[in-house]
């Protein structure tokens, strides 16, 4: 059974940092493409960072480029999103996700991903 445990969210002031973690179990995490998505109230869910397992190539949405870093520890079955210089516009529910269909490029579209965490809230405000 596929399972995800997300942690590290919460409230932070603008300019602050948070580190999201997503611990996976029940599948071969090391063979998956991975991604982080977010959804703000009233908006579509969007891919913010994804990693292609075959090549190691990484995609960042323009809105987070230079501020967020995606990584994973295959031995620990954990996906991370380091978020720096947070802005109010980063406020959203954040979701980790994986896909079995491996690609050379870091696909980061919602429809490409099969398995999802339940989401964790990040709120950036003064």
PDB file of N, CA and C in Angstrom:
ATOM      1  N   UNK A   1       0.844  -1.181   0.000  1.00  0.00           N
ATOM      2  CA  UNK A   1       0.000   0.000   0.000  1.00  0.00           C
ATOM      3  C   UNK A   1       0.887   1.241   0.000  1.00  0.00           C
ATOM      4  N   UNK A   2       0.622   2.143  -0.923  1.00  0.00           N
ATOM      5  CA  UNK A   2       1.385   3.377  -1.014  1.00  0.00           C
ATOM      6  C   UNK A   2       0.974   4.329   0.101  1.00  0.00           C
ATOM      7  N   UNK A   3       1.972   4.880   0.771  1.00  0.00           N
ATOM      8  CA  UNK A   3       1.708   5.807   1.859  1.00  0.00           C
ATOM      9  C   UNK A   3       2.700   6.956   1.827  1.00  0.00           C
ATOM     10  N   UNK A   4       2.224   8.125   2.224  1.00  0.00           N
ATOM     11  CA  UNK A   4       3.059   9.307   2.348  1.00  0.00           C
ATOM     12  C   UNK A   4       2.780   9.957   3.689  1.00  0.00           C
ATOM     13  N   UNK A   5       3.833  10.406   4.338  1.00  0.00           N
ATOM     14  CA  UNK A   5       3.708  11.189   5.554  1.00  0.00           C
ATOM     15  C   UNK A   5       4.448  12.493   5.338  1.00  0.00           C
ATOM     16  N   UNK A   6       3.697  13.588   5.267  1.00  0.00           N
ATOM     17  CA  UNK A   6       4.259  14.903   5.010  1.00  0.00           C
ATOM     18  C   UNK A   6       4.398  15.672   6.319  1.00  0.00           C
ATOM     19  N   UNK A   7       5.450  16.462   6.410  1.00  0.00           N
ATOM     20  CA  UNK A   7       5.679  17.257   7.602  1.00  0.00           C
ATOM     21  C   UNK A   7       6.508  18.484   7.247  1.00  0.00           C
ATOM     22  N   UNK A   8       6.614  19.406   8.187  1.00  0.00           N
ATOM     23  CA  UNK A   8       7.453  20.574   8.011  1.00  0.00           C
ATOM     24  C   UNK A   8       6.719  21.844   7.645  1.00  0.00           C
ATOM     25  N   UNK A   9       5.430  21.764   7.432  1.00  0.00           N
ATOM     26  CA  UNK A   9       4.661  22.947   7.108  1.00  0.00           C
ATOM     27  C   UNK A   9       4.350  23.768   8.344  1.00  0.00           C
ATOM     28  N   UNK A  10       3.633  24.853   8.128  1.00  0.00           N
ATOM     29  CA  UNK A  10       3.257  25.725   9.221  1.00  0.00           C
ATOM     30  C   UNK A  10       3.220  27.164   8.783  1.00  0.00           C
ATOM     31  N   UNK A  11       3.313  28.046   9.751  1.00  0.00           N
ATOM     32  CA  UNK A  11       3.271  29.485   9.503  1.00  0.00           C
ATOM     33  C   UNK A  11       4.651  30.095   9.679  1.00  0.00           C
ATOM     34  N   UNK A  12       4.966  31.036   8.802  1.00  0.00           N
ATOM     35  CA  UNK A  12       6.265  31.684   8.838  1.00  0.00           C
ATOM     36  C   UNK A  12       6.127  33.112   8.328  1.00  0.00           C
ATOM     37  N   UNK A  13       7.002  33.991   8.772  1.00  0.00           N
ATOM     38  CA  UNK A  13       7.000  35.371   8.298  1.00  0.00           C
ATOM     39  C   UNK A  13       7.657  35.485   6.930  1.00  0.00           C
ATOM     40  N   UNK A  14       7.299  36.508   6.165  1.00  0.00           N
ATOM     41  CA  UNK A  14       7.979  36.727   4.886  1.00  0.00           C
ATOM     42  C   UNK A  14       9.492  36.790   5.065  1.00  0.00           C
ATOM     43  N   UNK A  15      10.198  36.150   4.152  1.00  0.00           N
ATOM     44  CA  UNK A  15      11.643  36.068   4.237  1.00  0.00           C
ATOM     45  C   UNK A  15      12.152  34.869   4.989  1.00  0.00           C
ATOM     46  N   UNK A  16      11.274  34.159   5.659  1.00  0.00           N
ATOM     47  CA  UNK A  16      11.661  32.996   6.418  1.00  0.00           C
ATOM     48  C   UNK A  16      11.814  31.759   5.560  1.00  0.00           C
ATOM     49  N   UNK A  17      12.144  30.646   6.220  1.00  0.00           N
ATOM     50  CA  UNK A  17      12.380  29.386   5.531  1.00  0.00           C
ATOM     51  C   UNK A  17      11.620  28.252   6.195  1.00  0.00           C
ATOM     52  N   UNK A  18      11.282  27.266   5.395  1.00  0.00           N
ATOM     53  CA  UNK A  18      10.698  26.023   5.868  1.00  0.00           C
ATOM     54  C   UNK A  18      11.274  24.882   5.044  1.00  0.00           C
ATOM     55  N   UNK A  19      11.280  23.700   5.633  1.00  0.00           N
ATOM     56  CA  UNK A  19      11.711  22.500   4.924  1.00  0.00           C
ATOM     57  C   UNK A  19      10.615  21.452   5.018  1.00  0.00           C
ATOM     58  N   UNK A  20      10.023  21.140   3.890  1.00  0.00           N
ATOM     59  CA  UNK A  20       8.999  20.113   3.839  1.00  0.00           C
ATOM     60  C   UNK A  20       9.639  18.749   3.627  1.00  0.00           C
ATOM     61  N   UNK A  21       9.102  17.755   4.301  1.00  0.00           N
ATOM     62  CA  UNK A  21       9.547  16.381   4.132  1.00  0.00           C
ATOM     63  C   UNK A  21       8.358  15.511   3.767  1.00  0.00           C
ATOM     64  N   UNK A  22       8.614  14.491   2.977  1.00  0.00           N
ATOM     65  CA  UNK A  22       7.590  13.545   2.572  1.00  0.00           C
ATOM     66  C   UNK A  22       8.202  12.159   2.624  1.00  0.00           C
ATOM     67  N   UNK A  23       7.808  11.390   3.620  1.00  0.00           N
ATOM     68  CA  UNK A  23       8.328  10.042   3.799  1.00  0.00           C
ATOM     69  C   UNK A  23       7.395   9.055   3.113  1.00  0.00           C
ATOM     70  N   UNK A  24       7.934   8.277   2.199  1.00  0.00           N
ATOM     71  CA  UNK A  24       7.141   7.351   1.410  1.00  0.00           C
ATOM     72  C   UNK A  24       7.365   5.920   1.866  1.00  0.00           C
ATOM     73  N   UNK A  25       6.372   5.079   1.610  1.00  0.00           N
ATOM     74  CA  UNK A  25       6.491   3.657   1.902  1.00  0.00           C
ATOM     75  C   UNK A  25       5.532   2.881   1.013  1.00  0.00           C
ATOM     76  N   UNK A  26       5.804   1.586   0.865  1.00  0.00           N
ATOM     77  CA  UNK A  26       4.905   0.720   0.130  1.00  0.00           C
ATOM     78  C   UNK A  26       5.183   0.602  -1.357  1.00  0.00           C
ATOM     79  N   UNK A  27       6.260   1.190  -1.835  1.00  0.00           N
ATOM     80  CA  UNK A  27       6.609   1.101  -3.241  1.00  0.00           C
ATOM     81  C   UNK A  27       8.095   1.388  -3.419  1.00  0.00           C
ATOM     82  N   UNK A  28       8.579   1.203  -4.635  1.00  0.00           N
ATOM     83  CA  UNK A  28       9.994   1.416  -4.934  1.00  0.00           C
ATOM     84  C   UNK A  28      10.241   2.886  -5.213  1.00  0.00           C
ATOM     85  N   UNK A  29      10.378   3.638  -4.143  1.00  0.00           N
ATOM     86  CA  UNK A  29      10.541   5.076  -4.245  1.00  0.00           C
ATOM     87  C   UNK A  29      11.730   5.467  -5.115  1.00  0.00           C
ATOM     88  N   UNK A  30      12.810   4.718  -5.031  1.00  0.00           N
ATOM     89  CA  UNK A  30      14.029   5.062  -5.752  1.00  0.00           C
ATOM     90  C   UNK A  30      13.874   4.978  -7.264  1.00  0.00           C
ATOM     91  N   UNK A  31      12.845   4.318  -7.747  1.00  0.00           N
ATOM     92  CA  UNK A  31      12.615   4.162  -9.174  1.00  0.00           C
ATOM     93  C   UNK A  31      11.549   5.116  -9.708  1.00  0.00           C
ATOM     94  N   UNK A  32      11.156   6.072  -8.914  1.00  0.00           N
ATOM     95  CA  UNK A  32      10.079   6.982  -9.275  1.00  0.00           C
ATOM     96  C   UNK A  32      10.597   8.369  -9.633  1.00  0.00           C
ATOM     97  N   UNK A  33       9.917   9.007 -10.568  1.00  0.00           N
ATOM     98  CA  UNK A  33      10.044  10.451 -10.706  1.00  0.00           C
ATOM     99  C   UNK A  33       9.261  11.090  -9.568  1.00  0.00           C
ATOM    100  N   UNK A  34       9.719  12.222  -9.093  1.00  0.00           N
ATOM    101  CA  UNK A  34       9.113  12.848  -7.926  1.00  0.00           C
ATOM    102  C   UNK A  34       8.805  14.310  -8.207  1.00  0.00           C
ATOM    103  N   UNK A  35       7.889  14.849  -7.411  1.00  0.00           N
ATOM    104  CA  UNK A  35       7.549  16.247  -7.592  1.00  0.00           C
ATOM    105  C   UNK A  35       6.876  16.841  -6.376  1.00  0.00           C
ATOM    106  N   UNK A  36       6.922  18.147  -6.330  1.00  0.00           N
ATOM    107  CA  UNK A  36       6.179  18.927  -5.350  1.00  0.00           C
ATOM    108  C   UNK A  36       5.211  19.848  -6.094  1.00  0.00           C
ATOM    109  N   UNK A  37       3.989  19.884  -5.622  1.00  0.00           N
ATOM    110  CA  UNK A  37       2.938  20.713  -6.190  1.00  0.00           C
ATOM    111  C   UNK A  37       2.317  21.553  -5.088  1.00  0.00           C
ATOM    112  N   UNK A  38       1.647  22.622  -5.484  1.00  0.00           N
ATOM    113  CA  UNK A  38       0.936  23.418  -4.499  1.00  0.00           C
ATOM    114  C   UNK A  38      -0.372  23.928  -5.080  1.00  0.00           C
ATOM    115  N   UNK A  39      -1.290  24.204  -4.180  1.00  0.00           N
ATOM    116  CA  UNK A  39      -2.594  24.708  -4.580  1.00  0.00           C
ATOM    117  C   UNK A  39      -3.042  25.770  -3.588  1.00  0.00           C
ATOM    118  N   UNK A  40      -3.185  26.983  -4.074  1.00  0.00           N
ATOM    119  CA  UNK A  40      -3.689  28.083  -3.277  1.00  0.00           C
ATOM    120  C   UNK A  40      -5.206  28.136  -3.399  1.00  0.00           C
ATOM    121  N   UNK A  41      -5.879  28.738  -2.430  1.00  0.00           N
ATOM    122  CA  UNK A  41      -7.341  28.829  -2.490  1.00  0.00           C
ATOM    123  C   UNK A  41      -7.821  29.466  -3.790  1.00  0.00           C
ATOM    124  N   UNK A  42      -8.764  28.814  -4.445  1.00  0.00           N
ATOM    125  CA  UNK A  42      -9.331  29.342  -5.666  1.00  0.00           C
ATOM    126  C   UNK A  42      -8.466  29.196  -6.900  1.00  0.00           C
ATOM    127  N   UNK A  43      -7.347  28.502  -6.795  1.00  0.00           N
ATOM    128  CA  UNK A  43      -6.448  28.346  -7.925  1.00  0.00           C
ATOM    129  C   UNK A  43      -6.231  26.877  -8.258  1.00  0.00           C
ATOM    130  N   UNK A  44      -5.753  26.633  -9.469  1.00  0.00           N
ATOM    131  CA  UNK A  44      -5.435  25.277  -9.895  1.00  0.00           C
ATOM    132  C   UNK A  44      -4.172  24.782  -9.208  1.00  0.00           C
ATOM    133  N   UNK A  45      -4.097  23.477  -9.013  1.00  0.00           N
ATOM    134  CA  UNK A  45      -2.872  22.887  -8.500  1.00  0.00           C
ATOM    135  C   UNK A  45      -1.779  22.993  -9.564  1.00  0.00           C
ATOM    136  N   UNK A  46      -0.596  23.389  -9.147  1.00  0.00           N
ATOM    137  CA  UNK A  46       0.488  23.597 -10.083  1.00  0.00           C
ATOM    138  C   UNK A  46       1.767  22.924  -9.607  1.00  0.00           C
ATOM    139  N   UNK A  47       2.568  22.488 -10.566  1.00  0.00           N
ATOM    140  CA  UNK A  47       3.858  21.907 -10.251  1.00  0.00           C
ATOM    141  C   UNK A  47       4.867  22.997  -9.967  1.00  0.00           C
ATOM    142  N   UNK A  48       5.556  22.895  -8.844  1.00  0.00           N
ATOM    143  CA  UNK A  48       6.559  23.890  -8.504  1.00  0.00           C
ATOM    144  C   UNK A  48       7.985  23.359  -8.647  1.00  0.00           C
ATOM    145  N   UNK A  49       8.163  22.059  -8.481  1.00  0.00           N
ATOM    146  CA  UNK A  49       9.480  21.474  -8.667  1.00  0.00           C
ATOM    147  C   UNK A  49       9.353  19.979  -8.872  1.00  0.00           C
ATOM    148  N   UNK A  50      10.046  19.452  -9.883  1.00  0.00           N
ATOM    149  CA  UNK A  50       9.999  18.028 -10.183  1.00  0.00           C
ATOM    150  C   UNK A  50      11.379  17.543 -10.590  1.00  0.00           C
ATOM    151  N   UNK A  51      11.634  16.259 -10.353  1.00  0.00           N
ATOM    152  CA  UNK A  51      12.934  15.656 -10.614  1.00  0.00           C
ATOM    153  C   UNK A  51      12.759  14.392 -11.425  1.00  0.00           C
ATOM    154  N   UNK A  52      13.477  14.300 -12.531  1.00  0.00           N
ATOM    155  CA  UNK A  52      13.464  13.112 -13.375  1.00  0.00           C
ATOM    156  C   UNK A  52      14.517  12.133 -12.881  1.00  0.00           C
ATOM    157  N   UNK A  53      14.086  10.953 -12.478  1.00  0.00           N
ATOM    158  CA  UNK A  53      14.990   9.983 -11.878  1.00  0.00           C
ATOM    159  C   UNK A  53      16.068   9.499 -12.843  1.00  0.00           C
ATOM    160  N   UNK A  54      15.719   9.286 -14.098  1.00  0.00           N
ATOM    161  CA  UNK A  54      16.659   8.723 -15.053  1.00  0.00           C
ATOM    162  C   UNK A  54      17.849   9.634 -15.314  1.00  0.00           C
ATOM    163  N   UNK A  55      17.610  10.923 -15.322  1.00  0.00           N
ATOM    164  CA  UNK A  55      18.637  11.882 -15.702  1.00  0.00           C
ATOM    165  C   UNK A  55      19.086  12.795 -14.575  1.00  0.00           C
ATOM    166  N   UNK A  56      18.296  12.923 -13.532  1.00  0.00           N
ATOM    167  CA  UNK A  56      18.589  13.859 -12.475  1.00  0.00           C
ATOM    168  C   UNK A  56      18.225  15.293 -12.802  1.00  0.00           C
ATOM    169  N   UNK A  57      17.603  15.500 -13.938  1.00  0.00           N
ATOM    170  CA  UNK A  57      17.213  16.852 -14.317  1.00  0.00           C
ATOM    171  C   UNK A  57      16.077  17.349 -13.439  1.00  0.00           C
ATOM    172  N   UNK A  58      16.110  18.636 -13.141  1.00  0.00           N
ATOM    173  CA  UNK A  58      15.171  19.247 -12.219  1.00  0.00           C
ATOM    174  C   UNK A  58      14.478  20.430 -12.867  1.00  0.00           C
ATOM    175  N   UNK A  59      13.201  20.514 -12.614  1.00  0.00           N
ATOM    176  CA  UNK A  59      12.390  21.644 -13.061  1.00  0.00           C
ATOM    177  C   UNK A  59      11.971  22.469 -11.856  1.00  0.00           C
ATOM    178  N   UNK A  60      12.036  23.789 -12.012  1.00  0.00           N
ATOM    179  CA  UNK A  60      11.472  24.704 -11.030  1.00  0.00           C
ATOM    180  C   UNK A  60      10.531  25.673 -11.733  1.00  0.00           C
ATOM    181  N   UNK A  61       9.382  25.864 -11.145  1.00  0.00           N
ATOM    182  CA  UNK A  61       8.490  26.896 -11.635  1.00  0.00           C
ATOM    183  C   UNK A  61       9.168  28.249 -11.475  1.00  0.00           C
ATOM    184  N   UNK A  62       8.905  29.148 -12.409  1.00  0.00           N
ATOM    185  CA  UNK A  62       9.550  30.447 -12.376  1.00  0.00           C
ATOM    186  C   UNK A  62       9.326  31.182 -11.058  1.00  0.00           C
ATOM    187  N   UNK A  63       8.189  30.961 -10.446  1.00  0.00           N
ATOM    188  CA  UNK A  63       7.857  31.683  -9.228  1.00  0.00           C
ATOM    189  C   UNK A  63       8.706  31.270  -8.033  1.00  0.00           C
ATOM    190  N   UNK A  64       9.354  30.106  -8.097  1.00  0.00           N
ATOM    191  CA  UNK A  64      10.156  29.630  -6.977  1.00  0.00           C
ATOM    192  C   UNK A  64      11.620  29.439  -7.335  1.00  0.00           C
ATOM    193  N   UNK A  65      11.980  29.637  -8.571  1.00  0.00           N
ATOM    194  CA  UNK A  65      13.350  29.427  -9.020  1.00  0.00           C
ATOM    195  C   UNK A  65      14.306  30.331  -8.238  1.00  0.00           C
ATOM    196  N   UNK A  66      15.363  29.730  -7.736  1.00  0.00           N
ATOM    197  CA  UNK A  66      16.335  30.465  -6.949  1.00  0.00           C
ATOM    198  C   UNK A  66      16.012  30.538  -5.475  1.00  0.00           C
ATOM    199  N   UNK A  67      14.818  30.111  -5.087  1.00  0.00           N
ATOM    200  CA  UNK A  67      14.404  30.148  -3.688  1.00  0.00           C
ATOM    201  C   UNK A  67      14.151  28.761  -3.111  1.00  0.00           C
ATOM    202  N   UNK A  68      13.645  27.850  -3.919  1.00  0.00           N
ATOM    203  CA  UNK A  68      13.306  26.503  -3.463  1.00  0.00           C
ATOM    204  C   UNK A  68      14.307  25.494  -4.012  1.00  0.00           C
ATOM    205  N   UNK A  69      14.520  24.416  -3.265  1.00  0.00           N
ATOM    206  CA  UNK A  69      15.412  23.341  -3.685  1.00  0.00           C
ATOM    207  C   UNK A  69      14.734  22.002  -3.432  1.00  0.00           C
ATOM    208  N   UNK A  70      14.632  21.189  -4.475  1.00  0.00           N
ATOM    209  CA  UNK A  70      14.085  19.847  -4.339  1.00  0.00           C
ATOM    210  C   UNK A  70      15.226  18.847  -4.179  1.00  0.00           C
ATOM    211  N   UNK A  71      15.022  17.847  -3.347  1.00  0.00           N
ATOM    212  CA  UNK A  71      16.017  16.800  -3.172  1.00  0.00           C
ATOM    213  C   UNK A  71      15.346  15.560  -2.612  1.00  0.00           C
ATOM    214  N   UNK A  72      16.084  14.456  -2.591  1.00  0.00           N
ATOM    215  CA  UNK A  72      15.562  13.256  -1.955  1.00  0.00           C
ATOM    216  C   UNK A  72      16.687  12.394  -1.420  1.00  0.00           C
ATOM    217  N   UNK A  73      16.339  11.612  -0.427  1.00  0.00           N
ATOM    218  CA  UNK A  73      17.236  10.626   0.142  1.00  0.00           C
ATOM    219  C   UNK A  73      16.605   9.273  -0.137  1.00  0.00           C
ATOM    220  N   UNK A  74      17.160   8.543  -1.092  1.00  0.00           N
ATOM    221  CA  UNK A  74      16.557   7.282  -1.499  1.00  0.00           C
ATOM    222  C   UNK A  74      16.609   6.241  -0.382  1.00  0.00           C
ATOM    223  N   UNK A  75      17.687   6.233   0.379  1.00  0.00           N
ATOM    224  CA  UNK A  75      17.808   5.275   1.464  1.00  0.00           C
ATOM    225  C   UNK A  75      16.744   5.498   2.529  1.00  0.00           C
ATOM    226  N   UNK A  76      16.414   6.758   2.784  1.00  0.00           N
ATOM    227  CA  UNK A  76      15.409   7.099   3.781  1.00  0.00           C
ATOM    228  C   UNK A  76      14.004   7.189   3.204  1.00  0.00           C
ATOM    229  N   UNK A  77      13.876   6.981   1.909  1.00  0.00           N
ATOM    230  CA  UNK A  77      12.582   7.038   1.242  1.00  0.00           C
ATOM    231  C   UNK A  77      11.888   8.381   1.492  1.00  0.00           C
ATOM    232  N   UNK A  78      12.657   9.451   1.405  1.00  0.00           N
ATOM    233  CA  UNK A  78      12.145  10.762   1.765  1.00  0.00           C
ATOM    234  C   UNK A  78      12.425  11.786   0.673  1.00  0.00           C
ATOM    235  N   UNK A  79      11.420  12.577   0.383  1.00  0.00           N
ATOM    236  CA  UNK A  79      11.498  13.682  -0.552  1.00  0.00           C
ATOM    237  C   UNK A  79      11.467  14.982   0.243  1.00  0.00           C
ATOM    238  N   UNK A  80      12.286  15.948  -0.165  1.00  0.00           N
ATOM    239  CA  UNK A  80      12.384  17.213   0.553  1.00  0.00           C
ATOM    240  C   UNK A  80      12.114  18.388  -0.371  1.00  0.00           C
ATOM    241  N   UNK A  81      11.605  19.446   0.226  1.00  0.00           N
ATOM    242  CA  UNK A  81      11.523  20.734  -0.447  1.00  0.00           C
ATOM    243  C   UNK A  81      11.990  21.806   0.526  1.00  0.00           C
ATOM    244  N   UNK A  82      13.178  22.334   0.279  1.00  0.00           N
ATOM    245  CA  UNK A  82      13.696  23.442   1.062  1.00  0.00           C
ATOM    246  C   UNK A  82      13.161  24.731   0.474  1.00  0.00           C
ATOM    247  N   UNK A  83      12.504  25.527   1.290  1.00  0.00           N
ATOM    248  CA  UNK A  83      11.882  26.761   0.833  1.00  0.00           C
ATOM    249  C   UNK A  83      12.511  27.936   1.569  1.00  0.00           C
ATOM    250  N   UNK A  84      13.162  28.807   0.820  1.00  0.00           N
ATOM    251  CA  UNK A  84      13.817  29.977   1.376  1.00  0.00           C
ATOM    252  C   UNK A  84      13.178  31.248   0.845  1.00  0.00           C
ATOM    253  N   UNK A  85      13.423  32.345   1.540  1.00  0.00           N
ATOM    254  CA  UNK A  85      12.908  33.652   1.124  1.00  0.00           C
ATOM    255  C   UNK A  85      11.419  33.588   0.812  1.00  0.00           C
ATOM    256  N   UNK A  86      10.677  33.005   1.712  1.00  0.00           N
ATOM    257  CA  UNK A  86       9.254  32.788   1.480  1.00  0.00           C
ATOM    258  C   UNK A  86       8.493  34.103   1.385  1.00  0.00           C
ATOM    259  N   UNK A  87       7.500  34.101   0.533  1.00  0.00           N
ATOM    260  CA  UNK A  87       6.672  35.264   0.265  1.00  0.00           C
ATOM    261  C   UNK A  87       5.212  34.926   0.537  1.00  0.00           C
ATOM    262  N   UNK A  88       4.378  35.939   0.794  1.00  0.00           N
ATOM    263  CA  UNK A  88       2.956  35.656   1.006  1.00  0.00           C
ATOM    264  C   UNK A  88       2.325  34.868  -0.134  1.00  0.00           C
ATOM    265  N   UNK A  89       2.801  35.079  -1.347  1.00  0.00           N
ATOM    266  CA  UNK A  89       2.277  34.371  -2.511  1.00  0.00           C
ATOM    267  C   UNK A  89       2.578  32.880  -2.483  1.00  0.00           C
ATOM    268  N   UNK A  90       3.484  32.451  -1.618  1.00  0.00           N
ATOM    269  CA  UNK A  90       3.784  31.032  -1.471  1.00  0.00           C
ATOM    270  C   UNK A  90       2.768  30.306  -0.598  1.00  0.00           C
ATOM    271  N   UNK A  91       1.866  31.032   0.006  1.00  0.00           N
ATOM    272  CA  UNK A  91       0.849  30.422   0.856  1.00  0.00           C
ATOM    273  C   UNK A  91      -0.016  29.469   0.037  1.00  0.00           C
ATOM    274  N   UNK A  92      -0.056  28.210   0.452  1.00  0.00           N
ATOM    275  CA  UNK A  92      -0.787  27.188  -0.287  1.00  0.00           C
ATOM    276  C   UNK A  92      -0.701  25.873   0.468  1.00  0.00           C
ATOM    277  N   UNK A  93      -1.490  24.910   0.014  1.00  0.00           N
ATOM    278  CA  UNK A  93      -1.306  23.529   0.430  1.00  0.00           C
ATOM    279  C   UNK A  93      -0.281  22.888  -0.496  1.00  0.00           C
ATOM    280  N   UNK A  94       0.697  22.227   0.081  1.00  0.00           N
ATOM    281  CA  UNK A  94       1.771  21.620  -0.695  1.00  0.00           C
ATOM    282  C   UNK A  94       1.636  20.106  -0.694  1.00  0.00           C
ATOM    283  N   UNK A  95       1.837  19.505  -1.858  1.00  0.00           N
ATOM    284  CA  UNK A  95       1.651  18.077  -2.052  1.00  0.00           C
ATOM    285  C   UNK A  95       2.909  17.448  -2.633  1.00  0.00           C
ATOM    286  N   UNK A  96       3.359  16.357  -2.056  1.00  0.00           N
ATOM    287  CA  UNK A  96       4.376  15.554  -2.703  1.00  0.00           C
ATOM    288  C   UNK A  96       3.693  14.534  -3.599  1.00  0.00           C
ATOM    289  N   UNK A  97       4.378  14.130  -4.650  1.00  0.00           N
ATOM    290  CA  UNK A  97       3.787  13.207  -5.612  1.00  0.00           C
ATOM    291  C   UNK A  97       4.876  12.409  -6.309  1.00  0.00           C
ATOM    292  N   UNK A  98       4.514  11.224  -6.804  1.00  0.00           N
ATOM    293  CA  UNK A  98       5.429  10.378  -7.558  1.00  0.00           C
ATOM    294  C   UNK A  98       4.724   9.801  -8.771  1.00  0.00           C
ATOM    295  N   UNK A  99       5.511   9.355  -9.734  1.00  0.00           N
ATOM    296  CA  UNK A  99       4.984   8.730 -10.941  1.00  0.00           C
ATOM    297  C   UNK A  99       5.863   7.562 -11.351  1.00  0.00           C
ATOM    298  N   UNK A 100       5.240   6.511 -11.877  1.00  0.00           N
ATOM    299  CA  UNK A 100       5.960   5.322 -12.307  1.00  0.00           C
ATOM    300  C   UNK A 100       6.547   5.459 -13.705  1.00  0.00           C
ATOM    301  N   UNK A 101       5.894   6.199 -14.554  1.00  0.00           N
ATOM    302  CA  UNK A 101       6.322   6.355 -15.936  1.00  0.00           C
ATOM    303  C   UNK A 101       7.498   7.325 -15.980  1.00  0.00           C
ATOM    304  N   UNK A 102       8.696   6.778 -16.037  1.00  0.00           N
ATOM    305  CA  UNK A 102       9.890   7.600 -15.964  1.00  0.00           C
ATOM    306  C   UNK A 102      10.129   8.340 -17.273  1.00  0.00           C
ATOM    307  N   UNK A 103      10.647   9.540 -17.147  1.00  0.00           N
ATOM    308  CA  UNK A 103      10.935  10.383 -18.294  1.00  0.00           C
ATOM    309  C   UNK A 103      12.334  10.955 -18.168  1.00  0.00           C
ATOM    310  N   UNK A 104      12.897  11.336 -19.309  1.00  0.00           N
ATOM    311  CA  UNK A 104      14.213  11.960 -19.292  1.00  0.00           C
ATOM    312  C   UNK A 104      14.139  13.406 -18.839  1.00  0.00           C
ATOM    313  N   UNK A 105      13.006  14.039 -19.100  1.00  0.00           N
ATOM    314  CA  UNK A 105      12.788  15.403 -18.659  1.00  0.00           C
ATOM    315  C   UNK A 105      11.922  15.409 -17.411  1.00  0.00           C
ATOM    316  N   UNK A 106      12.094  16.416 -16.570  1.00  0.00           N
ATOM    317  CA  UNK A 106      11.313  16.475 -15.320  1.00  0.00           C
ATOM    318  C   UNK A 106       9.899  16.984 -15.558  1.00  0.00           C
ATOM    319  N   UNK A 107       9.026  16.089 -15.967  1.00  0.00           N
ATOM    320  CA  UNK A 107       7.635  16.459 -16.169  1.00  0.00           C
ATOM    321  C   UNK A 107       7.036  16.956 -14.864  1.00  0.00           C
ATOM    322  N   UNK A 108       6.267  18.018 -14.946  1.00  0.00           N
ATOM    323  CA  UNK A 108       5.731  18.624 -13.732  1.00  0.00           C
ATOM    324  C   UNK A 108       4.306  19.111 -13.960  1.00  0.00           C
ATOM    325  N   UNK A 109       3.507  18.238 -14.508  1.00  0.00           N
ATOM    326  CA  UNK A 109       2.091  18.489 -14.744  1.00  0.00           C
ATOM    327  C   UNK A 109       1.277  17.566 -13.858  1.00  0.00           C
ATOM    328  N   UNK A 110       0.210  18.080 -13.300  1.00  0.00           N
ATOM    329  CA  UNK A 110      -0.604  17.314 -12.361  1.00  0.00           C
ATOM    330  C   UNK A 110      -1.047  15.980 -12.952  1.00  0.00           C
ATOM    331  N   UNK A 111      -1.480  15.996 -14.207  1.00  0.00           N
ATOM    332  CA  UNK A 111      -2.009  14.791 -14.835  1.00  0.00           C
ATOM    333  C   UNK A 111      -0.949  13.714 -15.046  1.00  0.00           C
ATOM    334  N   UNK A 112       0.312  14.059 -14.952  1.00  0.00           N
ATOM    335  CA  UNK A 112       1.388  13.095 -15.145  1.00  0.00           C
ATOM    336  C   UNK A 112       1.680  12.276 -13.894  1.00  0.00           C
ATOM    337  N   UNK A 113       1.163  12.704 -12.765  1.00  0.00           N
ATOM    338  CA  UNK A 113       1.494  12.064 -11.500  1.00  0.00           C
ATOM    339  C   UNK A 113       0.354  11.201 -10.990  1.00  0.00           C
ATOM    340  N   UNK A 114       0.727  10.058 -10.432  1.00  0.00           N
ATOM    341  CA  UNK A 114      -0.233   9.019 -10.073  1.00  0.00           C
ATOM    342  C   UNK A 114      -0.524   8.921  -8.582  1.00  0.00           C
ATOM    343  N   UNK A 115       0.470   9.175  -7.763  1.00  0.00           N
ATOM    344  CA  UNK A 115       0.340   8.947  -6.325  1.00  0.00           C
ATOM    345  C   UNK A 115       0.673  10.223  -5.576  1.00  0.00           C
ATOM    346  N   UNK A 116      -0.200  10.564  -4.631  1.00  0.00           N
ATOM    347  CA  UNK A 116      -0.145  11.869  -3.990  1.00  0.00           C
ATOM    348  C   UNK A 116      -0.207  11.792  -2.477  1.00  0.00           C
ATOM    349  N   UNK A 117       0.541  12.680  -1.840  1.00  0.00           N
ATOM    350  CA  UNK A 117       0.334  12.905  -0.430  1.00  0.00           C
ATOM    351  C   UNK A 117      -0.943  13.684  -0.205  1.00  0.00           C
ATOM    352  N   UNK A 118      -1.338  13.797   1.040  1.00  0.00           N
ATOM    353  CA  UNK A 118      -2.597  14.468   1.357  1.00  0.00           C
ATOM    354  C   UNK A 118      -2.481  15.983   1.388  1.00  0.00           C
ATOM    355  N   UNK A 119      -1.292  16.497   1.395  1.00  0.00           N
ATOM    356  CA  UNK A 119      -1.079  17.929   1.396  1.00  0.00           C
ATOM    357  C   UNK A 119      -0.766  18.460   2.775  1.00  0.00           C
ATOM    358  N   UNK A 120       0.026  19.513   2.813  1.00  0.00           N
ATOM    359  CA  UNK A 120       0.383  20.156   4.072  1.00  0.00           C
ATOM    360  C   UNK A 120       0.376  21.664   3.861  1.00  0.00           C
ATOM    361  N   UNK A 121      -0.171  22.385   4.822  1.00  0.00           N
ATOM    362  CA  UNK A 121      -0.373  23.821   4.667  1.00  0.00           C
ATOM    363  C   UNK A 121       0.898  24.600   4.981  1.00  0.00           C
ATOM    364  N   UNK A 122       1.177  25.575   4.124  1.00  0.00           N
ATOM    365  CA  UNK A 122       2.229  26.555   4.354  1.00  0.00           C
ATOM    366  C   UNK A 122       1.590  27.935   4.282  1.00  0.00           C
ATOM    367  N   UNK A 123       1.759  28.713   5.333  1.00  0.00           N
ATOM    368  CA  UNK A 123       1.184  30.052   5.384  1.00  0.00           C
ATOM    369  C   UNK A 123       2.290  31.055   5.656  1.00  0.00           C
ATOM    370  N   UNK A 124       2.408  32.035   4.783  1.00  0.00           N
ATOM    371  CA  UNK A 124       3.438  33.067   4.902  1.00  0.00           C
ATOM    372  C   UNK A 124       2.739  34.398   5.129  1.00  0.00           C
ATOM    373  N   UNK A 125       2.905  34.950   6.306  1.00  0.00           N
ATOM    374  CA  UNK A 125       2.273  36.224   6.639  1.00  0.00           C
ATOM    375  C   UNK A 125       3.026  36.885   7.776  1.00  0.00           C
ATOM    376  N   UNK A 126       2.826  38.201   7.907  1.00  0.00           N
ATOM    377  CA  UNK A 126       3.463  38.936   8.984  1.00  0.00           C
ATOM    378  C   UNK A 126       2.623  38.925  10.250  1.00  0.00           C
TER     379      UNK A 126
END
